[in-house]
């Protein structure tokens, strides 16, 4: 063996690249992750004052699905929503906005906005993530019954990829 260190380096690099590619969701793939949320935090703008004596060791379970349509467009099924995002190495970011305008009265218009940002890192089978959910309502016209508000909720989660499962969805 002439240069065992070069051969070892080449084999190690191939193994490293293979492990990195396992973290990437490729077009046509659909990855499923079982996650658990840590307790979320409501911002001061939410107008709630949590009791600091409260605590929990219960977490909230959920399932995420990530898929790609091409090398630049990634999608995540997050609760009832599907968000579009992008990837940089093993890190993914997703975002979505929902704006609902209603006319509940003759001289009243309300606008409710919900914005969700997700930052996810996938290393092997492990997934970790953080989210920011911003909700607000504004009103124009006769707004006595429709007060304006806003609330920012932040949280994080962790979990693992579920292997060897198939999705069944009714048509």
N, C-alpha and C. Protein backbone atom coordinates (compact mmCIF):
# COMPACT_ATOMS: atom_id res chain seq x y z
N UNK A 1 0.84 -1.15 0.00
CA UNK A 1 0.00 0.00 0.00
C UNK A 1 0.89 1.23 0.00
N UNK A 2 0.76 2.03 -1.01
CA UNK A 2 1.63 3.18 -1.17
C UNK A 2 1.32 4.33 -0.25
N UNK A 3 0.11 4.83 -0.29
CA UNK A 3 -0.29 5.99 0.51
C UNK A 3 -1.55 5.65 1.31
N UNK A 4 -1.40 4.90 2.40
CA UNK A 4 -2.60 4.52 3.13
C UNK A 4 -3.36 5.72 3.67
N UNK A 5 -2.67 6.79 4.00
CA UNK A 5 -3.39 7.94 4.54
C UNK A 5 -4.27 8.58 3.48
N UNK A 6 -3.83 8.59 2.21
CA UNK A 6 -4.66 9.15 1.14
C UNK A 6 -5.89 8.28 0.90
N UNK A 7 -5.67 6.97 0.90
CA UNK A 7 -6.80 6.05 0.70
C UNK A 7 -7.78 6.20 1.85
N UNK A 8 -7.26 6.24 3.08
CA UNK A 8 -8.13 6.41 4.23
C UNK A 8 -8.89 7.73 4.13
N UNK A 9 -8.20 8.79 3.73
CA UNK A 9 -8.84 10.10 3.60
C UNK A 9 -9.94 10.06 2.55
N UNK A 10 -9.66 9.40 1.41
CA UNK A 10 -10.66 9.32 0.34
C UNK A 10 -11.88 8.53 0.80
N UNK A 11 -11.66 7.39 1.47
CA UNK A 11 -12.78 6.58 1.97
C UNK A 11 -13.55 7.36 3.03
N UNK A 12 -12.84 8.03 3.92
CA UNK A 12 -13.50 8.82 4.96
C UNK A 12 -14.32 9.94 4.34
N UNK A 13 -13.76 10.60 3.31
CA UNK A 13 -14.49 11.68 2.65
C UNK A 13 -15.74 11.16 1.96
N UNK A 14 -15.65 10.00 1.33
CA UNK A 14 -16.83 9.41 0.69
C UNK A 14 -17.89 9.09 1.73
N UNK A 15 -17.48 8.54 2.86
CA UNK A 15 -18.43 8.24 3.93
C UNK A 15 -19.07 9.50 4.48
N UNK A 16 -18.26 10.57 4.61
CA UNK A 16 -18.78 11.84 5.10
C UNK A 16 -19.79 12.41 4.11
N UNK A 17 -19.46 12.37 2.81
CA UNK A 17 -20.36 12.88 1.79
C UNK A 17 -21.65 12.06 1.75
N UNK A 18 -21.53 10.75 1.92
CA UNK A 18 -22.73 9.91 1.92
C UNK A 18 -23.61 10.27 3.10
N UNK A 19 -22.99 10.53 4.28
CA UNK A 19 -23.80 10.87 5.44
C UNK A 19 -24.44 12.24 5.26
N UNK A 20 -23.74 13.18 4.58
CA UNK A 20 -24.35 14.49 4.33
C UNK A 20 -25.49 14.37 3.34
N UNK A 21 -25.33 13.54 2.31
CA UNK A 21 -26.40 13.41 1.33
C UNK A 21 -27.62 12.74 1.95
N UNK A 22 -27.44 11.96 3.00
CA UNK A 22 -28.58 11.34 3.68
C UNK A 22 -29.43 12.40 4.36
N UNK A 23 -28.83 13.55 4.67
CA UNK A 23 -29.56 14.62 5.34
C UNK A 23 -30.39 15.44 4.37
N UNK A 24 -30.07 15.37 3.09
CA UNK A 24 -30.73 16.20 2.10
C UNK A 24 -31.96 15.49 1.54
N UNK A 25 -33.03 16.25 1.45
CA UNK A 25 -34.23 15.74 0.81
C UNK A 25 -34.08 16.03 -0.67
N UNK A 26 -34.12 15.00 -1.48
CA UNK A 26 -33.92 15.16 -2.91
C UNK A 26 -35.27 15.21 -3.64
N UNK A 27 -35.29 15.84 -4.83
CA UNK A 27 -36.55 15.86 -5.58
C UNK A 27 -37.11 14.46 -5.77
N UNK A 28 -38.41 14.34 -5.55
CA UNK A 28 -39.07 13.05 -5.66
C UNK A 28 -39.11 12.28 -4.36
N UNK A 29 -38.35 12.72 -3.35
CA UNK A 29 -38.37 12.04 -2.05
C UNK A 29 -39.41 12.68 -1.14
N UNK A 30 -39.85 11.91 -0.19
CA UNK A 30 -40.83 12.35 0.79
C UNK A 30 -40.34 11.81 2.12
N UNK A 31 -39.91 12.67 3.01
CA UNK A 31 -39.39 12.23 4.31
C UNK A 31 -40.39 12.55 5.40
N UNK A 32 -40.55 11.62 6.32
CA UNK A 32 -41.50 11.76 7.42
C UNK A 32 -40.71 11.80 8.72
N UNK A 33 -41.04 12.76 9.58
CA UNK A 33 -40.34 12.93 10.85
C UNK A 33 -41.35 12.94 11.99
N UNK A 34 -41.09 12.16 13.01
CA UNK A 34 -41.87 12.21 14.24
C UNK A 34 -41.16 13.20 15.15
N UNK A 35 -41.88 14.22 15.61
CA UNK A 35 -41.25 15.26 16.42
C UNK A 35 -42.01 15.45 17.72
N UNK A 36 -41.36 16.15 18.64
CA UNK A 36 -42.01 16.58 19.87
C UNK A 36 -41.65 18.04 20.10
N UNK A 37 -42.67 18.83 20.45
CA UNK A 37 -42.47 20.25 20.73
C UNK A 37 -42.11 20.45 22.19
N UNK A 38 -41.14 21.29 22.42
CA UNK A 38 -40.88 21.77 23.77
C UNK A 38 -41.94 22.82 24.08
N UNK A 39 -42.19 23.15 25.36
CA UNK A 39 -43.21 24.16 25.65
C UNK A 39 -42.88 25.48 24.94
N UNK A 40 -43.88 26.06 24.28
CA UNK A 40 -43.68 27.31 23.53
C UNK A 40 -43.77 28.50 24.48
N UNK A 41 -43.29 29.64 23.95
CA UNK A 41 -43.27 30.87 24.73
C UNK A 41 -44.10 31.93 24.02
N UNK A 42 -45.04 32.53 24.75
CA UNK A 42 -45.80 33.64 24.19
C UNK A 42 -45.05 34.92 24.48
N UNK A 43 -44.98 35.80 23.48
CA UNK A 43 -44.30 37.08 23.64
C UNK A 43 -45.10 38.03 24.50
N UNK A 44 -44.44 39.08 24.96
CA UNK A 44 -45.10 40.09 25.78
C UNK A 44 -46.24 40.76 25.01
N UNK A 45 -46.16 40.76 23.66
CA UNK A 45 -47.20 41.38 22.86
C UNK A 45 -48.52 40.60 22.89
N UNK A 46 -48.50 39.39 23.42
CA UNK A 46 -49.72 38.58 23.47
C UNK A 46 -50.67 39.02 24.58
N UNK A 47 -50.18 39.79 25.51
CA UNK A 47 -51.03 40.31 26.57
C UNK A 47 -51.38 39.30 27.65
N UNK A 48 -50.69 38.16 27.67
CA UNK A 48 -50.94 37.17 28.71
C UNK A 48 -49.79 37.20 29.70
N UNK A 49 -50.09 36.90 30.92
CA UNK A 49 -49.07 36.83 31.95
C UNK A 49 -49.06 35.42 32.52
N UNK A 50 -48.17 34.58 31.98
CA UNK A 50 -48.14 33.20 32.48
C UNK A 50 -47.72 33.16 33.95
N UNK A 51 -48.28 32.22 34.66
CA UNK A 51 -47.93 32.03 36.06
C UNK A 51 -46.58 31.33 36.12
N UNK A 52 -45.58 31.98 36.67
CA UNK A 52 -44.23 31.43 36.71
C UNK A 52 -44.11 30.19 37.58
N UNK A 53 -45.14 29.91 38.35
CA UNK A 53 -45.13 28.68 39.17
C UNK A 53 -45.50 27.46 38.35
N UNK A 54 -46.09 27.67 37.18
CA UNK A 54 -46.49 26.56 36.32
C UNK A 54 -45.26 25.92 35.67
N UNK A 55 -45.30 24.60 35.53
CA UNK A 55 -44.25 23.89 34.80
C UNK A 55 -44.84 22.59 34.26
N UNK A 56 -44.15 22.02 33.28
CA UNK A 56 -44.60 20.75 32.71
C UNK A 56 -43.40 19.96 32.19
N UNK A 57 -43.54 18.66 32.23
CA UNK A 57 -42.57 17.80 31.57
C UNK A 57 -43.27 17.02 30.46
N UNK A 58 -44.51 17.45 30.11
CA UNK A 58 -45.23 16.88 28.98
C UNK A 58 -44.88 17.67 27.73
N UNK A 59 -44.71 16.94 26.64
CA UNK A 59 -44.41 17.56 25.37
C UNK A 59 -45.54 17.27 24.41
N UNK A 60 -45.58 17.98 23.30
CA UNK A 60 -46.63 17.80 22.31
C UNK A 60 -46.07 17.05 21.10
N UNK A 61 -46.64 15.89 20.76
CA UNK A 61 -46.14 15.14 19.60
C UNK A 61 -46.75 15.65 18.30
N UNK A 62 -46.03 15.44 17.22
CA UNK A 62 -46.54 15.80 15.90
C UNK A 62 -45.74 15.03 14.85
N UNK A 63 -46.15 15.16 13.62
CA UNK A 63 -45.45 14.53 12.50
C UNK A 63 -45.25 15.58 11.43
N UNK A 64 -44.05 15.66 10.88
CA UNK A 64 -43.73 16.56 9.77
C UNK A 64 -43.41 15.73 8.54
N UNK A 65 -43.73 16.28 7.39
CA UNK A 65 -43.35 15.65 6.13
C UNK A 65 -42.65 16.70 5.29
N UNK A 66 -41.51 16.33 4.71
CA UNK A 66 -40.77 17.25 3.84
C UNK A 66 -40.59 16.58 2.48
N UNK A 67 -40.78 17.36 1.43
CA UNK A 67 -40.54 16.86 0.08
C UNK A 67 -39.98 17.98 -0.78
N UNK A 68 -39.38 17.61 -1.90
CA UNK A 68 -38.78 18.58 -2.82
C UNK A 68 -39.34 18.35 -4.22
N UNK A 69 -39.60 19.45 -4.93
CA UNK A 69 -40.03 19.33 -6.32
C UNK A 69 -38.86 19.46 -7.27
N UNK A 70 -37.84 20.19 -6.84
CA UNK A 70 -36.60 20.32 -7.61
C UNK A 70 -35.51 20.71 -6.61
N UNK A 71 -34.32 21.02 -7.11
CA UNK A 71 -33.19 21.31 -6.21
C UNK A 71 -33.34 22.62 -5.45
N UNK A 72 -34.30 23.46 -5.83
CA UNK A 72 -34.45 24.77 -5.19
C UNK A 72 -35.72 24.93 -4.36
N UNK A 73 -36.71 24.07 -4.57
CA UNK A 73 -38.00 24.24 -3.91
C UNK A 73 -38.31 23.06 -3.00
N UNK A 74 -38.44 23.37 -1.71
CA UNK A 74 -38.74 22.37 -0.70
C UNK A 74 -40.06 22.74 -0.05
N UNK A 75 -40.80 21.72 0.37
CA UNK A 75 -42.09 21.94 0.99
C UNK A 75 -42.15 21.15 2.29
N UNK A 76 -42.87 21.71 3.27
CA UNK A 76 -43.07 21.01 4.53
C UNK A 76 -44.56 21.00 4.84
N UNK A 77 -45.05 19.84 5.24
CA UNK A 77 -46.41 19.73 5.75
C UNK A 77 -46.29 19.90 7.26
N UNK A 78 -46.78 21.02 7.74
CA UNK A 78 -46.64 21.42 9.13
C UNK A 78 -48.03 21.64 9.69
N UNK A 79 -48.52 20.68 10.46
CA UNK A 79 -49.90 20.76 10.92
C UNK A 79 -50.83 20.69 9.73
N UNK A 80 -51.73 21.64 9.61
CA UNK A 80 -52.67 21.69 8.48
C UNK A 80 -52.13 22.52 7.33
N UNK A 81 -50.92 23.06 7.47
CA UNK A 81 -50.36 23.96 6.47
C UNK A 81 -49.26 23.29 5.66
N UNK A 82 -49.06 23.78 4.46
CA UNK A 82 -47.90 23.41 3.65
C UNK A 82 -47.16 24.71 3.35
N UNK A 83 -45.88 24.73 3.69
CA UNK A 83 -45.05 25.92 3.50
C UNK A 83 -43.96 25.63 2.48
N UNK A 84 -43.56 26.65 1.74
CA UNK A 84 -42.45 26.51 0.80
C UNK A 84 -41.18 27.01 1.46
N UNK A 85 -40.06 26.41 1.08
CA UNK A 85 -38.81 26.81 1.68
C UNK A 85 -37.62 26.53 0.80
N UNK A 86 -36.46 26.65 1.42
CA UNK A 86 -35.20 26.43 0.71
C UNK A 86 -34.24 25.69 1.62
N UNK A 87 -33.14 25.22 1.03
CA UNK A 87 -32.15 24.45 1.76
C UNK A 87 -30.78 25.07 1.56
N UNK A 88 -29.98 25.05 2.63
CA UNK A 88 -28.57 25.42 2.56
C UNK A 88 -27.81 24.37 3.36
N UNK A 89 -27.19 23.43 2.67
CA UNK A 89 -26.52 22.33 3.35
C UNK A 89 -27.54 21.44 4.03
N UNK A 90 -27.41 21.29 5.35
CA UNK A 90 -28.37 20.48 6.11
C UNK A 90 -29.43 21.33 6.80
N UNK A 91 -29.45 22.62 6.49
CA UNK A 91 -30.41 23.54 7.10
C UNK A 91 -31.50 23.93 6.10
N UNK A 92 -32.73 23.98 6.60
CA UNK A 92 -33.88 24.32 5.79
C UNK A 92 -34.61 25.48 6.44
N UNK A 93 -35.17 26.38 5.63
CA UNK A 93 -36.02 27.44 6.15
C UNK A 93 -37.33 27.41 5.35
N UNK A 94 -38.42 27.61 6.06
CA UNK A 94 -39.75 27.61 5.45
C UNK A 94 -40.51 28.81 5.99
N UNK A 95 -41.38 29.37 5.16
CA UNK A 95 -42.19 30.49 5.63
C UNK A 95 -43.51 30.52 4.89
N UNK A 96 -44.49 31.09 5.56
CA UNK A 96 -45.81 31.23 4.96
C UNK A 96 -46.60 32.34 5.62
N UNK A 97 -47.48 32.95 4.86
CA UNK A 97 -48.35 34.03 5.34
C UNK A 97 -49.78 33.74 4.92
N UNK A 98 -50.71 34.06 5.80
CA UNK A 98 -52.13 33.91 5.52
C UNK A 98 -52.80 35.21 5.93
N UNK A 99 -53.44 35.89 4.99
CA UNK A 99 -54.13 37.15 5.26
C UNK A 99 -55.60 36.96 4.92
N UNK A 100 -56.46 37.21 5.90
CA UNK A 100 -57.91 37.07 5.72
C UNK A 100 -58.58 38.42 5.97
N UNK A 101 -59.28 38.95 4.97
CA UNK A 101 -59.99 40.21 5.09
C UNK A 101 -61.48 39.89 5.12
N UNK A 102 -62.15 40.44 6.14
CA UNK A 102 -63.59 40.20 6.29
C UNK A 102 -64.32 41.51 6.52
N UNK A 103 -65.58 41.52 6.15
CA UNK A 103 -66.45 42.68 6.38
C UNK A 103 -67.58 42.23 7.30
N UNK A 104 -67.34 42.18 8.63
CA UNK A 104 -68.36 41.66 9.54
C UNK A 104 -69.54 42.61 9.76
N UNK A 105 -69.36 43.85 9.38
CA UNK A 105 -70.44 44.82 9.53
C UNK A 105 -70.43 45.78 8.35
N UNK A 106 -71.47 46.61 8.29
CA UNK A 106 -71.60 47.51 7.16
C UNK A 106 -70.42 48.49 7.05
N UNK A 107 -69.94 48.97 8.17
CA UNK A 107 -68.85 49.95 8.17
C UNK A 107 -67.59 49.39 8.82
N UNK A 108 -67.40 48.07 8.75
CA UNK A 108 -66.28 47.45 9.46
C UNK A 108 -65.54 46.49 8.53
N UNK A 109 -64.22 46.58 8.55
CA UNK A 109 -63.37 45.64 7.84
C UNK A 109 -62.27 45.18 8.78
N UNK A 110 -62.12 43.87 8.93
CA UNK A 110 -61.04 43.33 9.76
C UNK A 110 -60.05 42.59 8.86
N UNK A 111 -58.80 42.67 9.24
CA UNK A 111 -57.73 41.96 8.55
C UNK A 111 -56.98 41.13 9.58
N UNK A 112 -57.01 39.81 9.40
CA UNK A 112 -56.29 38.90 10.29
C UNK A 112 -55.11 38.33 9.51
N UNK A 113 -53.93 38.45 10.08
CA UNK A 113 -52.70 37.98 9.45
C UNK A 113 -52.04 36.94 10.33
N UNK A 114 -51.61 35.86 9.70
CA UNK A 114 -50.86 34.81 10.40
C UNK A 114 -49.60 34.54 9.59
N UNK A 115 -48.43 34.68 10.22
CA UNK A 115 -47.14 34.43 9.56
C UNK A 115 -46.40 33.37 10.34
N UNK A 116 -45.84 32.40 9.63
CA UNK A 116 -45.11 31.31 10.27
C UNK A 116 -43.74 31.18 9.62
N UNK A 117 -42.70 31.16 10.43
CA UNK A 117 -41.33 30.95 9.97
C UNK A 117 -40.77 29.73 10.69
N UNK A 118 -40.16 28.82 9.93
CA UNK A 118 -39.53 27.62 10.48
C UNK A 118 -38.06 27.57 10.06
N UNK A 119 -37.21 27.19 10.98
CA UNK A 119 -35.80 26.92 10.68
C UNK A 119 -35.52 25.51 11.17
N UNK A 120 -35.06 24.65 10.26
CA UNK A 120 -34.89 23.23 10.57
C UNK A 120 -33.47 22.81 10.21
N UNK A 121 -32.92 21.93 11.01
CA UNK A 121 -31.62 21.32 10.71
C UNK A 121 -31.80 19.80 10.76
N UNK A 122 -31.29 19.13 9.73
CA UNK A 122 -31.39 17.67 9.66
C UNK A 122 -29.97 17.12 9.61
N UNK A 123 -29.65 16.30 10.60
CA UNK A 123 -28.33 15.67 10.66
C UNK A 123 -28.55 14.17 10.82
N UNK A 124 -28.32 13.42 9.75
CA UNK A 124 -28.61 11.98 9.78
C UNK A 124 -30.11 11.79 9.90
N UNK A 125 -30.53 11.04 10.91
CA UNK A 125 -31.97 10.83 11.13
C UNK A 125 -32.56 11.85 12.09
N UNK A 126 -31.72 12.69 12.71
CA UNK A 126 -32.17 13.65 13.72
C UNK A 126 -32.61 14.96 13.07
N UNK A 127 -33.73 15.49 13.55
CA UNK A 127 -34.23 16.78 13.10
C UNK A 127 -34.42 17.68 14.31
N UNK A 128 -34.01 18.93 14.19
CA UNK A 128 -34.26 19.94 15.22
C UNK A 128 -34.80 21.17 14.51
N UNK A 129 -35.59 21.94 15.23
CA UNK A 129 -36.15 23.12 14.59
C UNK A 129 -36.65 24.16 15.57
N UNK A 130 -36.82 25.36 15.04
CA UNK A 130 -37.38 26.48 15.78
C UNK A 130 -38.46 27.11 14.92
N UNK A 131 -39.48 27.67 15.58
CA UNK A 131 -40.55 28.33 14.83
C UNK A 131 -40.92 29.65 15.49
N UNK A 132 -41.44 30.55 14.67
CA UNK A 132 -42.01 31.81 15.14
C UNK A 132 -43.36 31.95 14.45
N UNK A 133 -44.42 32.07 15.24
CA UNK A 133 -45.77 32.25 14.72
C UNK A 133 -46.25 33.62 15.17
N UNK A 134 -46.56 34.48 14.21
CA UNK A 134 -47.04 35.83 14.50
C UNK A 134 -48.47 35.93 14.01
N UNK A 135 -49.38 36.37 14.88
CA UNK A 135 -50.78 36.55 14.54
C UNK A 135 -51.19 37.97 14.90
N UNK A 136 -51.94 38.61 14.02
CA UNK A 136 -52.42 39.96 14.33
C UNK A 136 -53.78 40.17 13.71
N UNK A 137 -54.52 41.11 14.28
CA UNK A 137 -55.79 41.53 13.70
C UNK A 137 -55.86 43.04 13.77
N UNK A 138 -56.24 43.63 12.67
CA UNK A 138 -56.47 45.08 12.65
C UNK A 138 -57.89 45.32 12.15
N UNK A 139 -58.39 46.48 12.44
CA UNK A 139 -59.77 46.79 12.10
C UNK A 139 -59.86 48.20 11.54
N UNK A 140 -60.76 48.37 10.57
CA UNK A 140 -61.05 49.69 10.03
C UNK A 140 -62.54 49.94 10.09
N UNK A 141 -62.91 51.17 10.42
CA UNK A 141 -64.34 51.52 10.50
C UNK A 141 -64.84 51.43 11.93
N UNK A 142 -66.04 50.86 12.11
CA UNK A 142 -66.66 50.72 13.43
C UNK A 142 -66.07 49.48 14.10
N UNK A 143 -65.07 49.68 14.98
CA UNK A 143 -64.28 48.57 15.51
C UNK A 143 -64.50 48.26 16.98
N UNK A 144 -65.56 48.77 17.57
CA UNK A 144 -65.78 48.52 19.00
C UNK A 144 -65.82 47.03 19.33
N UNK A 145 -66.43 46.24 18.49
CA UNK A 145 -66.56 44.80 18.75
C UNK A 145 -65.38 43.99 18.20
N UNK A 146 -64.41 44.66 17.56
CA UNK A 146 -63.30 43.96 16.91
C UNK A 146 -61.97 44.63 17.29
N UNK A 147 -61.52 44.41 18.51
CA UNK A 147 -60.28 45.06 18.94
C UNK A 147 -59.07 44.53 18.17
N UNK A 148 -58.12 45.40 17.93
CA UNK A 148 -56.86 45.00 17.30
C UNK A 148 -56.00 44.27 18.31
N UNK A 149 -55.22 43.32 17.84
CA UNK A 149 -54.30 42.60 18.72
C UNK A 149 -53.16 42.05 17.89
N UNK A 150 -52.12 41.62 18.58
CA UNK A 150 -51.03 40.88 17.95
C UNK A 150 -50.42 39.96 18.99
N UNK A 151 -49.82 38.86 18.51
CA UNK A 151 -49.24 37.89 19.42
C UNK A 151 -48.12 37.14 18.69
N UNK A 152 -46.97 37.03 19.32
CA UNK A 152 -45.83 36.30 18.77
C UNK A 152 -45.55 35.10 19.67
N UNK A 153 -45.58 33.90 19.09
CA UNK A 153 -45.30 32.67 19.82
C UNK A 153 -44.04 32.05 19.22
N UNK A 154 -43.09 31.67 20.08
CA UNK A 154 -41.87 31.02 19.62
C UNK A 154 -41.75 29.66 20.29
N UNK A 155 -41.06 28.76 19.62
CA UNK A 155 -40.87 27.44 20.20
C UNK A 155 -39.84 26.65 19.43
N UNK A 156 -39.58 25.46 19.92
CA UNK A 156 -38.62 24.58 19.26
C UNK A 156 -39.11 23.14 19.37
N UNK A 157 -38.50 22.28 18.56
CA UNK A 157 -38.87 20.88 18.54
C UNK A 157 -37.67 20.04 18.14
N UNK A 158 -37.79 18.75 18.38
CA UNK A 158 -36.76 17.81 17.96
C UNK A 158 -37.44 16.49 17.63
N UNK A 159 -36.73 15.65 16.89
CA UNK A 159 -37.33 14.37 16.54
C UNK A 159 -36.42 13.55 15.66
N UNK A 160 -37.04 12.56 14.99
CA UNK A 160 -36.27 11.64 14.18
C UNK A 160 -37.05 11.27 12.92
N UNK A 161 -36.31 10.91 11.89
CA UNK A 161 -36.93 10.45 10.66
C UNK A 161 -37.52 9.06 10.91
N UNK A 162 -38.70 8.84 10.35
CA UNK A 162 -39.34 7.54 10.44
C UNK A 162 -39.00 6.79 9.16
N UNK A 163 -38.40 5.64 9.29
CA UNK A 163 -37.99 4.86 8.12
C UNK A 163 -39.01 3.76 7.82
N UNK A 164 -39.04 3.36 6.57
CA UNK A 164 -39.83 2.22 6.11
C UNK A 164 -41.32 2.35 6.42
N UNK A 165 -41.87 3.52 6.12
CA UNK A 165 -43.31 3.71 6.25
C UNK A 165 -43.87 4.16 4.91
N UNK A 166 -45.12 3.90 4.70
CA UNK A 166 -45.80 4.37 3.51
C UNK A 166 -46.99 5.19 3.93
N UNK A 167 -47.26 6.25 3.20
CA UNK A 167 -48.41 7.09 3.48
C UNK A 167 -49.65 6.52 2.85
N UNK A 168 -50.75 6.58 3.59
CA UNK A 168 -52.05 6.19 3.06
C UNK A 168 -52.97 7.36 3.23
N UNK A 169 -53.46 7.86 2.12
CA UNK A 169 -54.38 8.99 2.17
C UNK A 169 -55.59 8.65 1.32
N UNK A 170 -56.74 8.94 1.86
CA UNK A 170 -57.97 8.72 1.09
C UNK A 170 -58.08 9.71 -0.04
N UNK A 171 -58.72 9.30 -1.10
CA UNK A 171 -58.86 10.17 -2.26
C UNK A 171 -60.26 10.73 -2.29
